[in-house]
Each structure stands twice: as C-alpha cells, then as structure tokens.
C-alpha cells in the first residue's frame, strides 16, 4: 500500500508530516520526545480520550493519529469545553503539566478536544506549573 507524504507544519522542535491517517513528527537535532510524560499519559488515558500520546519509533521520530484542527478556541460547545476541562483536571490529578497548552488542542473524530504535544510537559509538576496550565485553559478557551 502506498502513502503520499505531505508536510503539514514545521516548528522549533521538528517537522510534522502526514502519512495516510497518521502524523509523524521528525525531531530536529537536539530535540527529543518526552518519553516519561508520554508513558504516563498511556497509563492514565490508554484510549486517547483526552491526550494524544505518541507511538515512539526512535529517539527522533514519533507517530500519532491524525486529528482535526481546532478553528476557534473561544467557540467551544458546552460538551467540548467540559471535555477539555476534564482533561485538564486529569492532568492536575496526576501532577502532570503540559507547559504549552493554548496551541496544542485539536479535535478527535468525534469533534472533542484532545491535548497534544507534551514535549514540554512535566511529571510531578509544581503547583505553579499546574496553575499556569489552568490559567491558560481559562484564558484561551470558552463556550459559545
């Protein structure tokens, strides 16, 4: 089966490429996936209900399901807002911070928000780091 590769985006840490229904992140030199956070997310959200954790291919390549772009974070439905809030609460419960929340929310196949890209995340996060995520959620996302 042949898949066409398509570059979706490029950031400081790497390049995002679409391969069929998957997305691959190719890390630039000096950047790596946050394996500790990724493994913890697998434990607490095995089915990708709230978080898109990676399938780690090697230290510089990860693979994940393709998601849809969130067009307007200020116009979430009530269901979307509550779903995202539940994800934030789950992170807080397990003392995990994201560290780069506003631009890392996408939509799954059910149009529910899913948090991606935990490369700046922390396990055993400080109260300050958890509060920064909470403020980012309250400041950047709202219901219509």
N, C-alpha and C. Protein backbone atom coordinates (compact mmCIF):
# COMPACT_ATOMS: atom_id res chain seq x y z
N UNK A 1 0.85 -1.18 0.00
CA UNK A 1 0.00 0.00 0.00
C UNK A 1 0.89 1.24 0.00
N UNK A 2 0.63 2.18 -0.89
CA UNK A 2 1.42 3.40 -0.99
C UNK A 2 0.72 4.54 -0.27
N UNK A 3 1.52 5.35 0.41
CA UNK A 3 1.02 6.54 1.08
C UNK A 3 1.79 7.74 0.56
N UNK A 4 1.07 8.81 0.36
CA UNK A 4 1.72 10.04 -0.04
C UNK A 4 2.13 10.80 1.21
N UNK A 5 3.36 11.28 1.25
CA UNK A 5 3.85 12.09 2.36
C UNK A 5 3.53 13.54 2.08
N UNK A 6 3.03 14.23 3.11
CA UNK A 6 2.70 15.64 2.95
C UNK A 6 3.15 16.40 4.19
N UNK A 7 3.96 17.41 3.99
CA UNK A 7 4.41 18.24 5.11
C UNK A 7 3.25 19.11 5.57
N UNK A 8 2.93 19.02 6.87
CA UNK A 8 1.83 19.80 7.44
C UNK A 8 2.30 21.07 8.12
N UNK A 9 3.45 20.97 8.80
CA UNK A 9 3.90 22.11 9.59
C UNK A 9 5.37 21.91 9.97
N UNK A 10 5.97 23.01 10.38
CA UNK A 10 7.34 22.94 10.89
C UNK A 10 7.45 23.93 12.04
N UNK A 11 8.00 23.46 13.14
CA UNK A 11 8.18 24.31 14.31
C UNK A 11 9.61 24.29 14.78
N UNK A 12 9.83 24.84 15.95
CA UNK A 12 11.16 24.89 16.54
C UNK A 12 11.74 23.50 16.75
N UNK A 13 10.89 22.57 17.21
CA UNK A 13 11.36 21.25 17.58
C UNK A 13 11.43 20.25 16.45
N UNK A 14 10.59 20.44 15.41
CA UNK A 14 10.60 19.44 14.36
C UNK A 14 9.64 19.73 13.22
N UNK A 15 9.51 18.74 12.37
CA UNK A 15 8.67 18.82 11.18
C UNK A 15 7.54 17.81 11.33
N UNK A 16 6.32 18.22 10.97
CA UNK A 16 5.16 17.36 11.04
C UNK A 16 4.78 16.93 9.62
N UNK A 17 4.70 15.61 9.41
CA UNK A 17 4.40 15.06 8.10
C UNK A 17 3.19 14.14 8.22
N UNK A 18 2.25 14.26 7.27
CA UNK A 18 1.11 13.36 7.23
C UNK A 18 1.43 12.16 6.36
N UNK A 19 1.06 10.98 6.86
CA UNK A 19 1.20 9.72 6.13
C UNK A 19 -0.13 8.99 6.28
N UNK A 20 -0.97 9.07 5.27
CA UNK A 20 -2.30 8.47 5.36
C UNK A 20 -3.09 9.10 6.50
N UNK A 21 -3.59 8.27 7.43
CA UNK A 21 -4.36 8.76 8.58
C UNK A 21 -3.47 8.99 9.80
N UNK A 22 -2.18 9.06 9.59
CA UNK A 22 -1.23 9.25 10.68
C UNK A 22 -0.41 10.51 10.46
N UNK A 23 0.17 10.98 11.55
CA UNK A 23 1.06 12.12 11.51
C UNK A 23 2.36 11.69 12.16
N UNK A 24 3.46 12.05 11.53
CA UNK A 24 4.78 11.73 12.05
C UNK A 24 5.48 13.03 12.39
N UNK A 25 6.11 13.06 13.56
CA UNK A 25 6.92 14.21 13.94
C UNK A 25 8.38 13.78 13.87
N UNK A 26 9.13 14.52 13.04
CA UNK A 26 10.56 14.28 12.90
C UNK A 26 11.27 15.38 13.67
N UNK A 27 11.91 15.01 14.77
CA UNK A 27 12.56 15.99 15.63
C UNK A 27 13.85 16.51 15.00
N UNK A 28 14.08 17.79 15.18
CA UNK A 28 15.34 18.40 14.75
C UNK A 28 16.43 18.04 15.75
N UNK A 29 17.67 18.20 15.33
CA UNK A 29 18.80 17.89 16.18
C UNK A 29 18.70 18.62 17.51
N UNK A 30 18.87 17.89 18.60
CA UNK A 30 18.84 18.48 19.93
C UNK A 30 17.47 18.42 20.59
N UNK A 31 16.44 17.99 19.88
CA UNK A 31 15.09 17.87 20.44
C UNK A 31 14.67 16.41 20.42
N UNK A 32 13.91 16.02 21.47
CA UNK A 32 13.51 14.63 21.61
C UNK A 32 12.12 14.56 22.23
N UNK A 33 11.42 13.45 22.00
CA UNK A 33 10.11 13.28 22.64
C UNK A 33 10.29 13.14 24.16
N UNK A 34 9.30 13.59 24.89
CA UNK A 34 9.29 13.49 26.34
C UNK A 34 8.75 12.11 26.72
N UNK A 35 9.63 11.14 26.77
CA UNK A 35 9.24 9.75 26.95
C UNK A 35 8.56 9.51 28.30
N UNK A 36 9.06 10.13 29.37
CA UNK A 36 8.47 9.93 30.70
C UNK A 36 7.01 10.37 30.74
N UNK A 37 6.73 11.56 30.22
CA UNK A 37 5.35 12.05 30.20
C UNK A 37 4.51 11.19 29.26
N UNK A 38 5.06 10.86 28.11
CA UNK A 38 4.35 10.04 27.13
C UNK A 38 3.90 8.71 27.75
N UNK A 39 4.79 8.03 28.48
CA UNK A 39 4.45 6.75 29.10
C UNK A 39 3.40 6.90 30.19
N UNK A 40 3.46 7.98 30.95
CA UNK A 40 2.45 8.23 31.99
C UNK A 40 1.08 8.49 31.36
N UNK A 41 1.06 9.24 30.25
CA UNK A 41 -0.21 9.50 29.56
C UNK A 41 -0.83 8.21 29.05
N UNK A 42 -0.01 7.29 28.57
CA UNK A 42 -0.52 5.98 28.12
C UNK A 42 -1.21 5.25 29.27
N UNK A 43 -0.64 5.36 30.47
CA UNK A 43 -1.22 4.70 31.64
C UNK A 43 -2.58 5.28 32.02
N UNK A 44 -2.67 6.60 32.03
CA UNK A 44 -3.90 7.23 32.55
C UNK A 44 -4.96 7.48 31.48
N UNK A 45 -4.59 7.38 30.19
CA UNK A 45 -5.55 7.62 29.11
C UNK A 45 -5.22 6.72 27.93
N UNK A 46 -5.34 5.42 28.16
CA UNK A 46 -4.95 4.43 27.17
C UNK A 46 -5.68 4.59 25.84
N UNK A 47 -6.91 5.04 25.85
CA UNK A 47 -7.72 5.13 24.64
C UNK A 47 -7.68 6.49 23.94
N UNK A 48 -6.77 7.34 24.32
CA UNK A 48 -6.66 8.68 23.70
C UNK A 48 -7.96 9.49 23.85
N UNK A 49 -8.62 9.37 24.96
CA UNK A 49 -9.84 10.14 25.16
C UNK A 49 -9.54 11.63 25.35
N UNK A 50 -8.48 11.94 26.09
CA UNK A 50 -8.13 13.33 26.39
C UNK A 50 -6.78 13.76 25.83
N UNK A 51 -5.87 12.81 25.67
CA UNK A 51 -4.49 13.14 25.30
C UNK A 51 -4.03 12.31 24.11
N UNK A 52 -3.30 12.94 23.20
CA UNK A 52 -2.70 12.21 22.09
C UNK A 52 -1.24 11.95 22.43
N UNK A 53 -1.00 10.78 23.01
CA UNK A 53 0.37 10.38 23.27
C UNK A 53 0.95 9.75 22.01
N UNK A 54 2.26 9.66 21.96
CA UNK A 54 2.96 9.20 20.77
C UNK A 54 3.20 7.69 20.77
N UNK A 55 3.30 7.14 19.58
CA UNK A 55 3.95 5.85 19.38
C UNK A 55 5.38 6.22 19.01
N UNK A 56 6.30 5.89 19.87
CA UNK A 56 7.68 6.31 19.67
C UNK A 56 8.39 5.29 18.78
N UNK A 57 8.85 5.77 17.62
CA UNK A 57 9.57 4.92 16.67
C UNK A 57 11.04 4.82 17.09
N UNK A 58 11.64 5.97 17.34
CA UNK A 58 13.00 6.04 17.88
C UNK A 58 13.15 7.41 18.54
N UNK A 59 14.37 7.76 18.97
CA UNK A 59 14.54 9.00 19.73
C UNK A 59 14.29 10.27 18.93
N UNK A 60 14.11 10.15 17.62
CA UNK A 60 13.86 11.36 16.83
C UNK A 60 12.62 11.29 15.94
N UNK A 61 11.84 10.20 16.04
CA UNK A 61 10.63 10.06 15.23
C UNK A 61 9.50 9.49 16.09
N UNK A 62 8.35 10.15 16.04
CA UNK A 62 7.15 9.65 16.73
C UNK A 62 5.99 9.63 15.73
N UNK A 63 5.01 8.79 16.01
CA UNK A 63 3.85 8.63 15.15
C UNK A 63 2.59 8.75 15.99
N UNK A 64 1.56 9.37 15.43
CA UNK A 64 0.29 9.51 16.14
C UNK A 64 -0.85 9.55 15.12
N UNK A 65 -2.08 9.42 15.60
CA UNK A 65 -3.25 9.54 14.73
C UNK A 65 -3.39 10.98 14.25
N UNK A 66 -3.89 11.13 13.04
CA UNK A 66 -4.16 12.47 12.51
C UNK A 66 -5.43 13.00 13.16
N UNK A 67 -5.37 14.25 13.56
CA UNK A 67 -6.51 14.93 14.19
C UNK A 67 -6.90 16.13 13.35
N UNK A 68 -8.05 16.72 13.70
CA UNK A 68 -8.53 17.91 13.00
C UNK A 68 -8.12 19.16 13.77
N UNK A 69 -7.90 20.22 13.04
CA UNK A 69 -7.52 21.50 13.64
C UNK A 69 -8.71 22.11 14.38
N UNK A 70 -8.44 22.66 15.56
CA UNK A 70 -9.45 23.42 16.31
C UNK A 70 -9.44 24.83 15.75
N UNK A 71 -10.56 25.23 15.14
CA UNK A 71 -10.58 26.52 14.44
C UNK A 71 -10.71 27.72 15.36
N UNK A 72 -11.57 27.63 16.37
CA UNK A 72 -11.76 28.79 17.24
C UNK A 72 -11.90 28.35 18.70
N UNK A 73 -10.83 28.49 19.48
CA UNK A 73 -10.87 28.05 20.88
C UNK A 73 -11.85 28.84 21.75
N UNK A 74 -12.31 29.97 21.26
CA UNK A 74 -13.28 30.78 22.02
C UNK A 74 -14.72 30.38 21.73
N UNK A 75 -14.91 29.40 20.84
CA UNK A 75 -16.26 28.98 20.47
C UNK A 75 -16.44 27.48 20.61
N UNK A 76 -16.02 26.95 21.75
CA UNK A 76 -16.24 25.54 22.02
C UNK A 76 -17.70 25.32 22.41
N UNK A 77 -18.25 24.18 22.04
CA UNK A 77 -19.58 23.84 22.52
C UNK A 77 -19.47 23.52 24.01
N UNK A 78 -20.59 23.44 24.67
CA UNK A 78 -20.61 23.10 26.09
C UNK A 78 -19.93 21.74 26.31
N UNK A 79 -20.26 20.78 25.44
CA UNK A 79 -19.67 19.44 25.55
C UNK A 79 -18.16 19.49 25.33
N UNK A 80 -17.69 20.23 24.34
CA UNK A 80 -16.26 20.35 24.07
C UNK A 80 -15.53 21.01 25.25
N UNK A 81 -16.11 22.08 25.77
CA UNK A 81 -15.49 22.79 26.89
C UNK A 81 -15.35 21.88 28.10
N UNK A 82 -16.42 21.17 28.43
CA UNK A 82 -16.38 20.26 29.59
C UNK A 82 -15.40 19.11 29.37
N UNK A 83 -15.31 18.63 28.15
CA UNK A 83 -14.37 17.55 27.84
C UNK A 83 -12.92 18.02 28.03
N UNK A 84 -12.62 19.20 27.50
CA UNK A 84 -11.28 19.76 27.66
C UNK A 84 -10.98 20.03 29.13
N UNK A 85 -11.96 20.54 29.85
CA UNK A 85 -11.79 20.79 31.28
C UNK A 85 -11.51 19.49 32.03
N UNK A 86 -12.18 18.41 31.64
CA UNK A 86 -11.93 17.10 32.27
C UNK A 86 -10.50 16.64 32.02
N UNK A 87 -9.98 16.89 30.81
CA UNK A 87 -8.60 16.55 30.51
C UNK A 87 -7.62 17.34 31.36
N UNK A 88 -7.88 18.62 31.51
CA UNK A 88 -7.03 19.48 32.35
C UNK A 88 -7.08 19.00 33.80
N UNK A 89 -8.27 18.66 34.27
CA UNK A 89 -8.42 18.15 35.64
C UNK A 89 -7.67 16.84 35.84
N UNK A 90 -7.68 15.98 34.82
CA UNK A 90 -6.97 14.70 34.91
C UNK A 90 -5.46 14.93 34.99
N UNK A 91 -4.95 15.85 34.21
CA UNK A 91 -3.53 16.19 34.30
C UNK A 91 -3.18 16.67 35.71
N UNK A 92 -4.02 17.54 36.24
CA UNK A 92 -3.78 18.08 37.58
C UNK A 92 -3.82 16.97 38.64
N UNK A 93 -4.77 16.07 38.50
CA UNK A 93 -4.90 14.95 39.45
C UNK A 93 -3.62 14.13 39.52
N UNK A 94 -2.96 13.96 38.38
CA UNK A 94 -1.73 13.17 38.32
C UNK A 94 -0.46 14.03 38.36
N UNK A 95 -0.62 15.32 38.68
CA UNK A 95 0.50 16.26 38.78
C UNK A 95 1.36 16.30 37.51
N UNK A 96 0.67 16.36 36.38
CA UNK A 96 1.35 16.48 35.09
C UNK A 96 1.01 17.86 34.52
N UNK A 97 2.04 18.58 34.13
CA UNK A 97 1.80 19.87 33.47
C UNK A 97 2.07 19.70 31.98
N UNK A 98 1.41 20.50 31.19
CA UNK A 98 1.61 20.48 29.74
C UNK A 98 2.71 21.47 29.34
N UNK A 99 2.58 22.70 29.80
CA UNK A 99 3.60 23.70 29.58
C UNK A 99 3.49 24.50 28.30
N UNK A 100 2.58 24.13 27.41
CA UNK A 100 2.44 24.83 26.13
C UNK A 100 1.04 24.62 25.58
N UNK A 101 0.05 24.83 26.43
CA UNK A 101 -1.31 24.42 26.14
C UNK A 101 -2.03 25.13 24.99
N UNK A 102 -2.07 26.44 24.93
CA UNK A 102 -3.01 27.08 24.00
C UNK A 102 -2.96 26.62 22.55
N UNK A 103 -1.79 26.38 22.00
CA UNK A 103 -1.71 25.99 20.59
C UNK A 103 -1.69 24.48 20.36
N UNK A 104 -1.96 23.72 21.39
CA UNK A 104 -1.84 22.27 21.28
C UNK A 104 -3.12 21.53 21.63
N UNK A 105 -4.22 22.06 21.14
CA UNK A 105 -5.51 21.40 21.27
C UNK A 105 -6.05 21.16 19.87
N UNK A 106 -6.45 19.93 19.61
CA UNK A 106 -7.03 19.57 18.32
C UNK A 106 -8.34 18.85 18.58
N UNK A 107 -8.99 18.41 17.53
CA UNK A 107 -10.26 17.70 17.66
C UNK A 107 -10.11 16.26 17.18
N UNK A 108 -10.72 15.33 17.92
CA UNK A 108 -10.69 13.93 17.52
C UNK A 108 -11.81 13.66 16.51
N UNK A 109 -12.01 12.40 16.17
CA UNK A 109 -13.03 12.03 15.18
C UNK A 109 -14.45 12.34 15.63
N UNK A 110 -14.66 12.55 16.94
CA UNK A 110 -15.98 12.91 17.48
C UNK A 110 -16.10 14.40 17.72
N UNK A 111 -15.16 15.18 17.22
CA UNK A 111 -15.09 16.63 17.41
C UNK A 111 -14.94 17.04 18.86
N UNK A 112 -14.28 16.20 19.64
CA UNK A 112 -13.98 16.53 21.03
C UNK A 112 -12.51 16.94 21.13
N UNK A 113 -12.22 17.92 21.98
CA UNK A 113 -10.84 18.40 22.10
C UNK A 113 -9.92 17.33 22.68
N UNK A 114 -8.73 17.28 22.14
CA UNK A 114 -7.71 16.37 22.63
C UNK A 114 -6.40 17.16 22.72
N UNK A 115 -5.71 16.98 23.83
CA UNK A 115 -4.48 17.73 24.08
C UNK A 115 -3.31 16.96 23.46
N UNK A 116 -2.48 17.69 22.70
CA UNK A 116 -1.35 17.07 22.01
C UNK A 116 -0.03 17.69 22.47
N UNK A 117 1.06 17.13 22.01
CA UNK A 117 2.42 17.68 22.13
C UNK A 117 2.82 18.00 23.57
N UNK A 118 3.14 16.96 24.30
CA UNK A 118 3.55 17.08 25.70
C UNK A 118 5.06 17.15 25.86
N UNK A 119 5.76 17.57 24.82
CA UNK A 119 7.22 17.58 24.89
C UNK A 119 7.76 18.53 25.95
N UNK A 120 7.00 19.55 26.33
CA UNK A 120 7.43 20.46 27.40
C UNK A 120 6.76 20.12 28.73
N UNK A 121 6.07 19.00 28.77
CA UNK A 121 5.36 18.58 29.97
C UNK A 121 6.27 18.11 31.08
N UNK A 122 5.71 18.07 32.28
CA UNK A 122 6.46 17.63 33.46
C UNK A 122 5.61 16.68 34.30
N UNK A 123 6.25 15.63 34.79
CA UNK A 123 5.65 14.75 35.80
C UNK A 123 6.07 15.31 37.15
N UNK A 124 5.22 15.15 38.16
CA UNK A 124 5.46 15.74 39.48
C UNK A 124 5.63 17.25 39.36
N UNK A 125 4.75 17.83 38.56
CA UNK A 125 4.80 19.27 38.30
C UNK A 125 4.53 20.05 39.58
N UNK A 126 5.11 21.22 39.64
CA UNK A 126 4.88 22.10 40.78
C UNK A 126 3.47 22.68 40.72
N UNK A 127 2.99 23.18 41.84
CA UNK A 127 1.68 23.83 41.86
C UNK A 127 1.65 25.00 40.89
N UNK A 128 2.76 25.70 40.78
CA UNK A 128 2.85 26.83 39.86
C UNK A 128 2.67 26.38 38.42
N UNK A 129 3.34 25.28 38.02
CA UNK A 129 3.19 24.77 36.65
C UNK A 129 1.76 24.33 36.37
N UNK A 130 1.13 23.67 37.34
CA UNK A 130 -0.26 23.25 37.17
C UNK A 130 -1.19 24.46 37.07
N UNK A 131 -0.89 25.49 37.84
CA UNK A 131 -1.69 26.71 37.81
C UNK A 131 -1.53 27.43 36.46
N UNK A 132 -0.33 27.42 35.90
CA UNK A 132 -0.11 28.03 34.58
C UNK A 132 -0.98 27.35 33.53
N UNK A 133 -1.06 26.01 33.57
CA UNK A 133 -1.94 25.30 32.64
C UNK A 133 -3.40 25.67 32.87
N UNK A 134 -3.81 25.75 34.13
CA UNK A 134 -5.21 26.09 34.45
C UNK A 134 -5.54 27.49 33.93
N UNK A 135 -4.65 28.45 34.14
CA UNK A 135 -4.87 29.82 33.67
C UNK A 135 -4.91 29.85 32.14
N UNK A 136 -4.03 29.10 31.49
CA UNK A 136 -4.03 29.04 30.02
C UNK A 136 -5.37 28.51 29.52
N UNK A 137 -5.89 27.48 30.18
CA UNK A 137 -7.20 26.93 29.81
C UNK A 137 -8.29 27.99 29.96
N UNK A 138 -8.34 28.63 31.12
CA UNK A 138 -9.39 29.62 31.38
C UNK A 138 -9.26 30.85 30.49
N UNK A 139 -8.05 31.22 30.12
CA UNK A 139 -7.82 32.42 29.31
C UNK A 139 -8.07 32.22 27.82
N UNK A 140 -7.78 31.03 27.31
CA UNK A 140 -7.79 30.81 25.87
C UNK A 140 -9.00 30.05 25.33
N UNK A 141 -9.76 29.40 26.21
CA UNK A 141 -10.86 28.57 25.74
C UNK A 141 -12.16 28.99 26.42
N UNK A 142 -13.23 29.04 25.65
CA UNK A 142 -14.54 29.36 26.22
C UNK A 142 -15.65 28.77 25.37
N UNK A 143 -16.83 28.73 25.96
CA UNK A 143 -18.01 28.16 25.28
C UNK A 143 -18.72 29.24 24.49
N UNK A 144 -19.47 28.78 23.49
CA UNK A 144 -20.31 29.74 22.75
C UNK A 144 -21.66 29.84 23.44
